[in-house]
């Protein structure tokens, strides 16, 4: 675990602001030995590329470089999904907040830049006067960057960020927030990264972490024509292609151990 300053600034005039931000931010993560990371990555690649059809586990794409590229993808004209979800949350966030208990903790799986979640955060703060937000993302760098922006914009917000893949993050929050109400967000149609049986298994795992007062908000795409879907994942600027290949450039190597 690590809890500490979210930013470093040597100018005197910003010291108070930095102290305030740091007091409202905590980053939880698991330190891992490089050899064990490489072994885990190597075993995963060997197993999944031996299957038919071949595949790779999607969370390996989301290191610092991959996470930044995905944020670029979300801003592309062809990538309609982010805009559609943002529009829904804009319309429904107040209604969602009203359905939840006071002091509900908002947990988000694969939070990224948390851009879409801002309206929901605002609605919870408007209702309750404060909020604790728990973003879970594989990239600690994007967690720190997005948390800094959110904390600057919402003085009533506290953030406990979890740098981990989904299952590890869920395990941590289950223990930490067992006695408070939670709403778990899984947006961006990320369920589409799972095969059918794997998605069912993971949804059951999410369900096992929920108490009676908790809720689960799933964002998933509907059927789309080829004319819409193909450009969304094969954009004219080549950002998606760069994202797909970044795994080859950033994967763990024995030379790093």
C-alpha atoms as a PDB file:
ATOM      1  CA  UNK A   1       0.000   0.000   0.000  1.00  0.00           C
ATOM      2  CA  UNK A   2       1.057   3.555  -0.641  1.00  0.00           C
ATOM      3  CA  UNK A   3      -0.608   6.678   0.599  1.00  0.00           C
ATOM      4  CA  UNK A   4       1.106   9.980  -0.037  1.00  0.00           C
ATOM      5  CA  UNK A   5       1.295  13.200  -2.022  1.00  0.00           C
ATOM      6  CA  UNK A   6      -0.470  13.083  -5.323  1.00  0.00           C
ATOM      7  CA  UNK A   7       1.828  15.770  -6.693  1.00  0.00           C
ATOM      8  CA  UNK A   8       5.084  17.515  -5.922  1.00  0.00           C
ATOM      9  CA  UNK A   9       5.326  21.310  -6.181  1.00  0.00           C
ATOM     10  CA  UNK A  10       8.134  23.454  -4.828  1.00  0.00           C
ATOM     11  CA  UNK A  11       6.379  26.819  -5.059  1.00  0.00           C
ATOM     12  CA  UNK A  12       5.244  28.176  -1.690  1.00  0.00           C
ATOM     13  CA  UNK A  13       1.877  29.451  -2.924  1.00  0.00           C
ATOM     14  CA  UNK A  14       0.748  25.947  -3.899  1.00  0.00           C
ATOM     15  CA  UNK A  15       1.859  24.137  -0.727  1.00  0.00           C
ATOM     16  CA  UNK A  16      -1.523  24.432   0.985  1.00  0.00           C
ATOM     17  CA  UNK A  17      -3.347  23.188  -2.088  1.00  0.00           C
ATOM     18  CA  UNK A  18      -0.969  20.245  -2.482  1.00  0.00           C
ATOM     19  CA  UNK A  19      -1.401  19.312   1.176  1.00  0.00           C
ATOM     20  CA  UNK A  20      -5.178  19.403   0.781  1.00  0.00           C
ATOM     21  CA  UNK A  21      -5.043  17.170  -2.297  1.00  0.00           C
ATOM     22  CA  UNK A  22      -2.741  14.689  -0.585  1.00  0.00           C
ATOM     23  CA  UNK A  23      -5.029  14.459   2.447  1.00  0.00           C
ATOM     24  CA  UNK A  24      -7.884  13.370   0.177  1.00  0.00           C
ATOM     25  CA  UNK A  25      -5.967  10.830  -1.891  1.00  0.00           C
ATOM     26  CA  UNK A  26      -4.692   7.329  -1.292  1.00  0.00           C
ATOM     27  CA  UNK A  27      -3.189   4.891  -3.768  1.00  0.00           C
ATOM     28  CA  UNK A  28      -3.372   1.165  -3.074  1.00  0.00           C
ATOM     29  CA  UNK A  29      -1.332  -1.264  -5.102  1.00  0.00           C
ATOM     30  CA  UNK A  30       0.563  -4.514  -4.848  1.00  0.00           C
ATOM     31  CA  UNK A  31       4.293  -4.543  -5.353  1.00  0.00           C
ATOM     32  CA  UNK A  32       5.420  -7.434  -7.530  1.00  0.00           C
ATOM     33  CA  UNK A  33       8.814  -8.948  -8.186  1.00  0.00           C
ATOM     34  CA  UNK A  34       9.884  -8.423 -11.808  1.00  0.00           C
ATOM     35  CA  UNK A  35      10.632 -12.102 -12.277  1.00  0.00           C
ATOM     36  CA  UNK A  36       7.170 -13.047 -11.052  1.00  0.00           C
ATOM     37  CA  UNK A  37       5.556 -10.480 -13.387  1.00  0.00           C
ATOM     38  CA  UNK A  38       7.468 -11.867 -16.345  1.00  0.00           C
ATOM     39  CA  UNK A  39       6.599 -15.426 -15.383  1.00  0.00           C
ATOM     40  CA  UNK A  40       2.928 -14.533 -15.080  1.00  0.00           C
ATOM     41  CA  UNK A  41       2.967 -12.671 -18.400  1.00  0.00           C
ATOM     42  CA  UNK A  42       4.908 -15.438 -20.134  1.00  0.00           C
ATOM     43  CA  UNK A  43       2.612 -18.169 -18.862  1.00  0.00           C
ATOM     44  CA  UNK A  44      -0.429 -16.161 -19.930  1.00  0.00           C
ATOM     45  CA  UNK A  45       0.892 -15.530 -23.452  1.00  0.00           C
ATOM     46  CA  UNK A  46       1.924 -19.155 -23.884  1.00  0.00           C
ATOM     47  CA  UNK A  47      -1.487 -20.386 -22.793  1.00  0.00           C
ATOM     48  CA  UNK A  48      -3.650 -17.938 -24.751  1.00  0.00           C
ATOM     49  CA  UNK A  49      -1.634 -18.054 -27.989  1.00  0.00           C
ATOM     50  CA  UNK A  50      -1.855 -21.840 -27.886  1.00  0.00           C
ATOM     51  CA  UNK A  51      -5.645 -21.648 -28.044  1.00  0.00           C
ATOM     52  CA  UNK A  52      -7.813 -21.617 -31.141  1.00  0.00           C
ATOM     53  CA  UNK A  53      -8.552 -18.865 -31.905  1.00  0.00           C
ATOM     54  CA  UNK A  54      -5.420 -17.216 -30.519  1.00  0.00           C
ATOM     55  CA  UNK A  55      -5.864 -14.304 -28.120  1.00  0.00           C
ATOM     56  CA  UNK A  56      -4.134 -12.190 -25.469  1.00  0.00           C
ATOM     57  CA  UNK A  57      -5.402 -11.145 -22.047  1.00  0.00           C
ATOM     58  CA  UNK A  58      -6.660  -7.589 -22.546  1.00  0.00           C
ATOM     59  CA  UNK A  59      -5.352  -5.947 -19.354  1.00  0.00           C
ATOM     60  CA  UNK A  60      -1.743  -6.330 -20.533  1.00  0.00           C
ATOM     61  CA  UNK A  61      -2.465  -3.554 -23.046  1.00  0.00           C
ATOM     62  CA  UNK A  62      -3.076  -1.006 -20.308  1.00  0.00           C
ATOM     63  CA  UNK A  63       0.335   0.082 -19.101  1.00  0.00           C
ATOM     64  CA  UNK A  64       1.115   3.818 -19.069  1.00  0.00           C
ATOM     65  CA  UNK A  65       1.516   4.039 -22.859  1.00  0.00           C
ATOM     66  CA  UNK A  66      -1.463   1.821 -23.625  1.00  0.00           C
ATOM     67  CA  UNK A  67      -3.714   3.699 -21.219  1.00  0.00           C
ATOM     68  CA  UNK A  68      -2.841   7.042 -22.814  1.00  0.00           C
ATOM     69  CA  UNK A  69      -3.487   5.647 -26.289  1.00  0.00           C
ATOM     70  CA  UNK A  70      -6.864   4.311 -25.206  1.00  0.00           C
ATOM     71  CA  UNK A  71      -7.812   7.760 -23.916  1.00  0.00           C
ATOM     72  CA  UNK A  72      -6.956   9.074 -27.386  1.00  0.00           C
ATOM     73  CA  UNK A  73      -9.206   6.408 -28.908  1.00  0.00           C
ATOM     74  CA  UNK A  74     -12.097   7.569 -26.722  1.00  0.00           C
ATOM     75  CA  UNK A  75     -11.826  11.053 -28.253  1.00  0.00           C
ATOM     76  CA  UNK A  76     -11.906   9.868 -31.864  1.00  0.00           C
ATOM     77  CA  UNK A  77     -14.866  10.776 -34.066  1.00  0.00           C
ATOM     78  CA  UNK A  78     -15.330   7.142 -35.044  1.00  0.00           C
ATOM     79  CA  UNK A  79     -15.440   5.886 -31.445  1.00  0.00           C
ATOM     80  CA  UNK A  80     -19.090   6.573 -30.632  1.00  0.00           C
ATOM     81  CA  UNK A  81     -19.227   4.564 -27.393  1.00  0.00           C
ATOM     82  CA  UNK A  82     -17.736   7.170 -25.038  1.00  0.00           C
ATOM     83  CA  UNK A  83     -20.065   9.912 -26.259  1.00  0.00           C
ATOM     84  CA  UNK A  84     -23.118   7.655 -25.986  1.00  0.00           C
ATOM     85  CA  UNK A  85     -22.358   6.656 -22.395  1.00  0.00           C
ATOM     86  CA  UNK A  86     -21.546  10.229 -21.404  1.00  0.00           C
ATOM     87  CA  UNK A  87     -24.914  11.340 -22.770  1.00  0.00           C
ATOM     88  CA  UNK A  88     -26.759   8.648 -20.786  1.00  0.00           C
ATOM     89  CA  UNK A  89     -24.931   9.540 -17.563  1.00  0.00           C
ATOM     90  CA  UNK A  90     -25.635  13.224 -18.152  1.00  0.00           C
ATOM     91  CA  UNK A  91     -29.353  12.453 -18.258  1.00  0.00           C
ATOM     92  CA  UNK A  92     -29.542   9.787 -15.541  1.00  0.00           C
ATOM     93  CA  UNK A  93     -26.837  10.512 -12.958  1.00  0.00           C
ATOM     94  CA  UNK A  94     -29.110  12.428 -10.579  1.00  0.00           C
ATOM     95  CA  UNK A  95     -31.661   9.623 -10.723  1.00  0.00           C
ATOM     96  CA  UNK A  96     -28.953   7.034  -9.989  1.00  0.00           C
ATOM     97  CA  UNK A  97     -27.637   9.018  -7.027  1.00  0.00           C
ATOM     98  CA  UNK A  98     -31.141   9.344  -5.579  1.00  0.00           C
ATOM     99  CA  UNK A  99     -31.569   5.555  -5.643  1.00  0.00           C
ATOM    100  CA  UNK A 100     -28.522   4.981  -3.423  1.00  0.00           C
ATOM    101  CA  UNK A 101     -28.056   5.355   0.327  1.00  0.00           C
ATOM    102  CA  UNK A 102     -26.350   8.382   1.818  1.00  0.00           C
ATOM    103  CA  UNK A 103     -22.538   7.988   2.033  1.00  0.00           C
ATOM    104  CA  UNK A 104     -22.518   5.438  -0.782  1.00  0.00           C
ATOM    105  CA  UNK A 105     -19.026   4.742  -2.127  1.00  0.00           C
ATOM    106  CA  UNK A 106     -18.677   4.855  -5.921  1.00  0.00           C
ATOM    107  CA  UNK A 107     -16.367   2.132  -7.265  1.00  0.00           C
ATOM    108  CA  UNK A 108     -15.338   2.040 -10.930  1.00  0.00           C
ATOM    109  CA  UNK A 109     -13.696  -0.873 -12.731  1.00  0.00           C
ATOM    110  CA  UNK A 110     -11.256   0.197 -15.448  1.00  0.00           C
ATOM    111  CA  UNK A 111     -11.725   3.881 -14.626  1.00  0.00           C
ATOM    112  CA  UNK A 112      -9.130   5.337 -17.012  1.00  0.00           C
ATOM    113  CA  UNK A 113      -9.447   9.125 -17.089  1.00  0.00           C
ATOM    114  CA  UNK A 114     -12.843   8.999 -15.277  1.00  0.00           C
ATOM    115  CA  UNK A 115     -14.218  11.575 -17.734  1.00  0.00           C
ATOM    116  CA  UNK A 116     -17.627   9.914 -18.073  1.00  0.00           C
ATOM    117  CA  UNK A 117     -17.926   9.468 -14.312  1.00  0.00           C
ATOM    118  CA  UNK A 118     -17.658  13.181 -13.525  1.00  0.00           C
ATOM    119  CA  UNK A 119     -21.402  13.809 -13.870  1.00  0.00           C
ATOM    120  CA  UNK A 120     -22.167  10.910 -11.540  1.00  0.00           C
ATOM    121  CA  UNK A 121     -19.603  12.165  -9.012  1.00  0.00           C
ATOM    122  CA  UNK A 122     -21.164  15.618  -9.180  1.00  0.00           C
ATOM    123  CA  UNK A 123     -24.661  14.216  -8.590  1.00  0.00           C
ATOM    124  CA  UNK A 124     -23.607  12.210  -5.540  1.00  0.00           C
ATOM    125  CA  UNK A 125     -21.850  15.232  -4.035  1.00  0.00           C
ATOM    126  CA  UNK A 126     -24.868  17.412  -4.757  1.00  0.00           C
ATOM    127  CA  UNK A 127     -27.083  14.920  -2.943  1.00  0.00           C
ATOM    128  CA  UNK A 128     -24.845  14.017   0.026  1.00  0.00           C
ATOM    129  CA  UNK A 129     -22.379  16.895   0.317  1.00  0.00           C
ATOM    130  CA  UNK A 130     -19.388  14.590  -0.087  1.00  0.00           C
ATOM    131  CA  UNK A 131     -18.272  11.377  -1.810  1.00  0.00           C
ATOM    132  CA  UNK A 132     -15.593   8.723  -1.707  1.00  0.00           C
ATOM    133  CA  UNK A 133     -14.646   7.489  -5.171  1.00  0.00           C
ATOM    134  CA  UNK A 134     -12.676   4.270  -5.683  1.00  0.00           C
ATOM    135  CA  UNK A 135     -11.281   3.982  -9.231  1.00  0.00           C
ATOM    136  CA  UNK A 136      -9.680   0.630 -10.099  1.00  0.00           C
ATOM    137  CA  UNK A 137      -7.276   0.610 -13.027  1.00  0.00           C
ATOM    138  CA  UNK A 138      -4.201  -1.369 -14.036  1.00  0.00           C
ATOM    139  CA  UNK A 139      -2.264   1.855 -14.688  1.00  0.00           C
ATOM    140  CA  UNK A 140      -1.128   3.720 -11.566  1.00  0.00           C
ATOM    141  CA  UNK A 141       0.025   6.680 -13.671  1.00  0.00           C
ATOM    142  CA  UNK A 142      -3.416   7.334 -15.140  1.00  0.00           C
ATOM    143  CA  UNK A 143      -4.980   6.872 -11.697  1.00  0.00           C
ATOM    144  CA  UNK A 144      -2.747   9.604 -10.278  1.00  0.00           C
ATOM    145  CA  UNK A 145      -3.316  11.927 -13.232  1.00  0.00           C
ATOM    146  CA  UNK A 146      -7.098  11.550 -13.265  1.00  0.00           C
ATOM    147  CA  UNK A 147      -7.337  11.762  -9.462  1.00  0.00           C
ATOM    148  CA  UNK A 148      -5.418  15.023  -9.416  1.00  0.00           C
ATOM    149  CA  UNK A 149      -7.858  16.539 -11.896  1.00  0.00           C
ATOM    150  CA  UNK A 150     -10.924  15.298 -10.018  1.00  0.00           C
ATOM    151  CA  UNK A 151      -9.668  16.452  -6.615  1.00  0.00           C
ATOM    152  CA  UNK A 152      -8.956  19.911  -8.008  1.00  0.00           C
ATOM    153  CA  UNK A 153     -12.472  20.164  -9.397  1.00  0.00           C
ATOM    154  CA  UNK A 154     -14.385  18.597  -6.472  1.00  0.00           C
ATOM    155  CA  UNK A 155     -13.246  19.832  -3.002  1.00  0.00           C
ATOM    156  CA  UNK A 156     -15.782  17.502  -1.319  1.00  0.00           C
ATOM    157  CA  UNK A 157     -14.300  14.427  -2.999  1.00  0.00           C
ATOM    158  CA  UNK A 158     -12.021  11.797  -1.460  1.00  0.00           C
ATOM    159  CA  UNK A 159     -10.319   9.247  -3.711  1.00  0.00           C
ATOM    160  CA  UNK A 160      -8.942   5.842  -2.812  1.00  0.00           C
ATOM    161  CA  UNK A 161      -7.377   4.595  -6.043  1.00  0.00           C
ATOM    162  CA  UNK A 162      -6.548   0.933  -6.567  1.00  0.00           C
ATOM    163  CA  UNK A 163      -3.812   0.053  -9.082  1.00  0.00           C
ATOM    164  CA  UNK A 164      -4.736  -3.515  -9.937  1.00  0.00           C
ATOM    165  CA  UNK A 165      -6.618  -5.695 -12.374  1.00  0.00           C
ATOM    166  CA  UNK A 166     -10.331  -6.193 -11.766  1.00  0.00           C
ATOM    167  CA  UNK A 167     -10.314  -9.242  -9.524  1.00  0.00           C
ATOM    168  CA  UNK A 168      -7.541  -7.999  -7.238  1.00  0.00           C
ATOM    169  CA  UNK A 169      -9.239  -4.624  -6.945  1.00  0.00           C
ATOM    170  CA  UNK A 170     -12.602  -6.150  -6.114  1.00  0.00           C
ATOM    171  CA  UNK A 171     -10.993  -8.308  -3.458  1.00  0.00           C
ATOM    172  CA  UNK A 172      -9.457  -5.238  -1.813  1.00  0.00           C
ATOM    173  CA  UNK A 173     -12.642  -3.182  -1.769  1.00  0.00           C
ATOM    174  CA  UNK A 174     -14.776  -6.067  -0.523  1.00  0.00           C
ATOM    175  CA  UNK A 175     -12.835  -6.080   2.735  1.00  0.00           C
ATOM    176  CA  UNK A 176     -12.250  -2.341   3.005  1.00  0.00           C
ATOM    177  CA  UNK A 177     -15.851  -1.236   2.334  1.00  0.00           C
ATOM    178  CA  UNK A 178     -17.803  -4.181   3.666  1.00  0.00           C
ATOM    179  CA  UNK A 179     -19.955  -2.052   6.011  1.00  0.00           C
ATOM    180  CA  UNK A 180     -20.894   0.763   3.620  1.00  0.00           C
ATOM    181  CA  UNK A 181     -23.143   0.899   0.569  1.00  0.00           C
ATOM    182  CA  UNK A 182     -21.378   0.758  -2.781  1.00  0.00           C
ATOM    183  CA  UNK A 183     -22.281   1.199  -6.398  1.00  0.00           C
ATOM    184  CA  UNK A 184     -19.873  -0.591  -8.733  1.00  0.00           C
ATOM    185  CA  UNK A 185     -19.549   0.854 -12.234  1.00  0.00           C
ATOM    186  CA  UNK A 186     -18.314  -1.160 -15.199  1.00  0.00           C
ATOM    187  CA  UNK A 187     -18.617   1.093 -18.210  1.00  0.00           C
ATOM    188  CA  UNK A 188     -17.277   1.297 -21.756  1.00  0.00           C
ATOM    189  CA  UNK A 189     -18.720  -2.036 -22.880  1.00  0.00           C
ATOM    190  CA  UNK A 190     -15.613  -3.638 -21.376  1.00  0.00           C
ATOM    191  CA  UNK A 191     -17.617  -6.814 -20.907  1.00  0.00           C
ATOM    192  CA  UNK A 192     -17.084  -7.259 -24.651  1.00  0.00           C
ATOM    193  CA  UNK A 193     -13.445  -8.119 -23.907  1.00  0.00           C
ATOM    194  CA  UNK A 194     -14.662 -11.334 -22.274  1.00  0.00           C
ATOM    195  CA  UNK A 195     -15.909 -14.478 -23.959  1.00  0.00           C
ATOM    196  CA  UNK A 196     -19.438 -15.515 -23.014  1.00  0.00           C
ATOM    197  CA  UNK A 197     -18.616 -17.994 -20.235  1.00  0.00           C
ATOM    198  CA  UNK A 198     -15.823 -15.788 -18.866  1.00  0.00           C
ATOM    199  CA  UNK A 199     -18.197 -12.821 -18.692  1.00  0.00           C
ATOM    200  CA  UNK A 200     -20.776 -14.896 -16.816  1.00  0.00           C
ATOM    201  CA  UNK A 201     -18.119 -16.059 -14.358  1.00  0.00           C
ATOM    202  CA  UNK A 202     -16.872 -12.526 -13.761  1.00  0.00           C
ATOM    203  CA  UNK A 203     -20.374 -11.126 -13.304  1.00  0.00           C
ATOM    204  CA  UNK A 204     -20.948 -13.782 -10.656  1.00  0.00           C
ATOM    205  CA  UNK A 205     -17.718 -12.675  -8.956  1.00  0.00           C
ATOM    206  CA  UNK A 206     -18.960  -9.098  -8.915  1.00  0.00           C
ATOM    207  CA  UNK A 207     -22.286 -10.261  -7.504  1.00  0.00           C
ATOM    208  CA  UNK A 208     -20.493 -12.095  -4.699  1.00  0.00           C
ATOM    209  CA  UNK A 209     -18.933  -8.804  -3.528  1.00  0.00           C
ATOM    210  CA  UNK A 210     -22.286  -6.990  -3.293  1.00  0.00           C
ATOM    211  CA  UNK A 211     -24.423  -6.547  -0.192  1.00  0.00           C
ATOM    212  CA  UNK A 212     -28.179  -5.894  -0.159  1.00  0.00           C
ATOM    213  CA  UNK A 213     -27.721  -2.122  -0.179  1.00  0.00           C
ATOM    214  CA  UNK A 214     -25.194  -2.184  -3.058  1.00  0.00           C
ATOM    215  CA  UNK A 215     -25.783  -1.722  -6.786  1.00  0.00           C
ATOM    216  CA  UNK A 216     -24.048  -2.590 -10.046  1.00  0.00           C
ATOM    217  CA  UNK A 217     -24.127  -0.343 -13.114  1.00  0.00           C
ATOM    218  CA  UNK A 218     -23.086  -2.014 -16.369  1.00  0.00           C
ATOM    219  CA  UNK A 219     -22.475  -0.095 -19.590  1.00  0.00           C
ATOM    220  CA  UNK A 220     -22.644  -2.299 -22.666  1.00  0.00           C
ATOM    221  CA  UNK A 221     -23.043  -1.649 -26.368  1.00  0.00           C
ATOM    222  CA  UNK A 222     -26.027  -2.757 -28.418  1.00  0.00           C
ATOM    223  CA  UNK A 223     -25.991  -4.324 -31.872  1.00  0.00           C
ATOM    224  CA  UNK A 224     -24.263  -2.125 -34.454  1.00  0.00           C
ATOM    225  CA  UNK A 225     -23.922  -2.357 -38.202  1.00  0.00           C
ATOM    226  CA  UNK A 226     -20.565  -3.107 -39.777  1.00  0.00           C
ATOM    227  CA  UNK A 227     -20.468   0.433 -41.185  1.00  0.00           C
ATOM    228  CA  UNK A 228     -20.403   1.850 -37.636  1.00  0.00           C
ATOM    229  CA  UNK A 229     -18.445  -0.859 -35.832  1.00  0.00           C
ATOM    230  CA  UNK A 230     -15.444  -1.312 -38.140  1.00  0.00           C
ATOM    231  CA  UNK A 231     -14.377   2.383 -38.209  1.00  0.00           C
ATOM    232  CA  UNK A 232     -14.771   2.552 -34.418  1.00  0.00           C
ATOM    233  CA  UNK A 233     -12.070  -0.094 -34.019  1.00  0.00           C
ATOM    234  CA  UNK A 234     -10.036   0.682 -37.140  1.00  0.00           C
ATOM    235  CA  UNK A 235      -9.840   4.476 -37.109  1.00  0.00           C
ATOM    236  CA  UNK A 236      -8.452   6.580 -39.940  1.00  0.00           C
ATOM    237  CA  UNK A 237      -5.651   8.043 -37.778  1.00  0.00           C
ATOM    238  CA  UNK A 238      -4.343   4.610 -36.830  1.00  0.00           C
ATOM    239  CA  UNK A 239      -4.550   5.208 -33.064  1.00  0.00           C
ATOM    240  CA  UNK A 240      -6.298   1.882 -32.451  1.00  0.00           C
ATOM    241  CA  UNK A 241      -3.676   0.050 -34.489  1.00  0.00           C
ATOM    242  CA  UNK A 242      -0.931   1.699 -32.454  1.00  0.00           C
ATOM    243  CA  UNK A 243      -2.742   0.679 -29.262  1.00  0.00           C
ATOM    244  CA  UNK A 244      -2.974  -2.933 -30.415  1.00  0.00           C
ATOM    245  CA  UNK A 245       0.731  -3.094 -31.210  1.00  0.00           C
ATOM    246  CA  UNK A 246       1.884  -1.326 -28.051  1.00  0.00           C
ATOM    247  CA  UNK A 247       1.774  -4.650 -26.205  1.00  0.00           C
ATOM    248  CA  UNK A 248       4.717  -5.807 -28.325  1.00  0.00           C
ATOM    249  CA  UNK A 249       6.751  -2.754 -27.355  1.00  0.00           C
ATOM    250  CA  UNK A 250       5.999  -2.709 -23.641  1.00  0.00           C
ATOM    251  CA  UNK A 251       5.681  -6.372 -22.645  1.00  0.00           C
ATOM    252  CA  UNK A 252       7.942  -7.637 -19.830  1.00  0.00           C
ATOM    253  CA  UNK A 253      11.304  -8.930 -20.998  1.00  0.00           C
ATOM    254  CA  UNK A 254      13.912 -11.161 -19.370  1.00  0.00           C
ATOM    255  CA  UNK A 255      16.369  -8.324 -19.999  1.00  0.00           C
ATOM    256  CA  UNK A 256      14.444  -6.227 -17.467  1.00  0.00           C
ATOM    257  CA  UNK A 257      14.853  -8.772 -14.675  1.00  0.00           C
END
